[in-house]
Amino acid sequence: MSKKGTQVSVQLRQVRKQGGSLVITLPVDFIHRHNIEEGDRLPAITGSILKIVPITEEKDQLEALTIEETKKE
């Protein structure tokens, strides 16, 4: 379910091989709407679906959270 006024779209994305990994690209409109830049880290929520979630917080705060979570493992 989406928030009121949030636009939802479904797009087929092609899986590509890059080096030893499989990758998918993000839609250009999504990249621009969320100010995503090369090198940014985006949370990927997995289960029966894969959901990529844009971060609205400051990137430094996300990096600190990522470092803290890594220490717990």
Foldseek 3Di string as FASTA:
>chain_A
DDDPPDDDDDDDWDWDDDPPDIDTDDDPVVCVVLVDDPPQDWDWDDDPDTDTDRDPDDSVVVVVVVVVVVVVD
